[in-house]
């Protein structure tokens, strides 16, 4: 069975986004990083997820916005998302 897909929406130079990346890496969670400041990705993120705030992670079952919410989400769900 394939692993759940995790997308991490980030902005270059944003410390909270960098910390969110470190959190995913520390839990061995594979993810695809999307820079919202490129290719109109922020507009697409607003359309799809209803917010322009970063960091944001999206999984097949959840959308989580903000570093503290991501921390809490990973504390509860990291095992099911990891490699």
Protein backbone atom coordinates (compact mmCIF):
# COMPACT_ATOMS: atom_id res chain seq x y z
CA UNK A 1 0.00 0.00 0.00
CA UNK A 2 1.47 3.41 -0.94
CA UNK A 3 2.40 5.89 1.76
CA UNK A 4 0.10 8.84 2.35
CA UNK A 5 1.13 11.85 0.32
CA UNK A 6 2.06 14.96 2.31
CA UNK A 7 2.38 18.39 0.76
CA UNK A 8 4.14 21.19 2.62
CA UNK A 9 3.37 24.71 1.45
CA UNK A 10 6.16 27.13 2.36
CA UNK A 11 7.49 30.61 1.70
CA UNK A 12 11.19 31.23 1.14
CA UNK A 13 12.96 32.79 4.13
CA UNK A 14 10.11 32.04 6.55
CA UNK A 15 11.47 30.61 9.82
CA UNK A 16 8.24 28.81 10.72
CA UNK A 17 8.26 27.11 7.33
CA UNK A 18 11.85 26.00 7.87
CA UNK A 19 10.89 24.61 11.28
CA UNK A 20 7.94 22.74 9.76
CA UNK A 21 10.37 21.13 7.29
CA UNK A 22 12.65 20.09 10.16
CA UNK A 23 9.68 18.58 12.01
CA UNK A 24 8.63 16.48 9.02
CA UNK A 25 12.23 15.35 8.49
CA UNK A 26 12.69 14.48 12.17
CA UNK A 27 9.66 12.18 11.94
CA UNK A 28 10.91 10.62 8.65
CA UNK A 29 7.80 11.78 6.83
CA UNK A 30 8.19 11.97 3.05
CA UNK A 31 6.72 15.16 1.63
CA UNK A 32 6.63 17.36 -1.41
CA UNK A 33 7.53 20.99 -0.79
CA UNK A 34 5.62 23.68 -2.66
CA UNK A 35 6.86 27.27 -2.64
CA UNK A 36 3.81 29.53 -2.52
CA UNK A 37 5.81 32.49 -3.80
CA UNK A 38 6.27 30.77 -7.21
CA UNK A 39 3.92 30.03 -10.10
CA UNK A 40 0.78 31.47 -8.48
CA UNK A 41 0.87 28.69 -5.90
CA UNK A 42 -0.44 30.98 -3.14
CA UNK A 43 -3.61 31.65 -5.17
CA UNK A 44 -4.04 27.94 -5.82
CA UNK A 45 -3.56 27.25 -2.11
CA UNK A 46 -6.24 29.83 -1.25
CA UNK A 47 -8.61 28.26 -3.77
CA UNK A 48 -7.97 24.67 -2.64
CA UNK A 49 -7.54 25.10 1.13
CA UNK A 50 -9.20 28.44 1.92
CA UNK A 51 -6.11 30.16 3.32
CA UNK A 52 -2.90 31.85 2.22
CA UNK A 53 -1.12 31.23 5.54
CA UNK A 54 2.07 29.20 5.71
CA UNK A 55 3.33 26.79 6.77
CA UNK A 56 0.53 24.49 5.71
CA UNK A 57 0.57 20.73 5.36
CA UNK A 58 -2.02 18.84 3.39
CA UNK A 59 -2.56 15.09 3.56
CA UNK A 60 -5.34 12.99 2.04
CA UNK A 61 -7.23 13.34 5.33
CA UNK A 62 -6.23 16.71 6.80
CA UNK A 63 -5.18 20.29 6.17
CA UNK A 64 -3.15 21.83 8.98
CA UNK A 65 -2.19 25.52 9.08
CA UNK A 66 0.45 27.11 11.29
CA UNK A 67 3.53 25.78 13.02
CA UNK A 68 1.94 25.03 16.40
CA UNK A 69 -0.97 23.20 14.78
CA UNK A 70 1.49 21.22 12.66
CA UNK A 71 3.45 20.27 15.81
CA UNK A 72 0.26 19.02 17.48
CA UNK A 73 -0.87 17.16 14.37
CA UNK A 74 2.48 15.41 14.00
CA UNK A 75 2.53 14.47 17.69
CA UNK A 76 -0.73 12.59 17.08
CA UNK A 77 -0.23 11.32 13.52
CA UNK A 78 3.48 11.08 12.66
CA UNK A 79 3.58 7.31 12.91
CA UNK A 80 0.91 6.82 10.25
CA UNK A 81 2.65 9.27 7.89
CA UNK A 82 6.27 8.15 8.28
CA UNK A 83 8.32 5.95 5.96
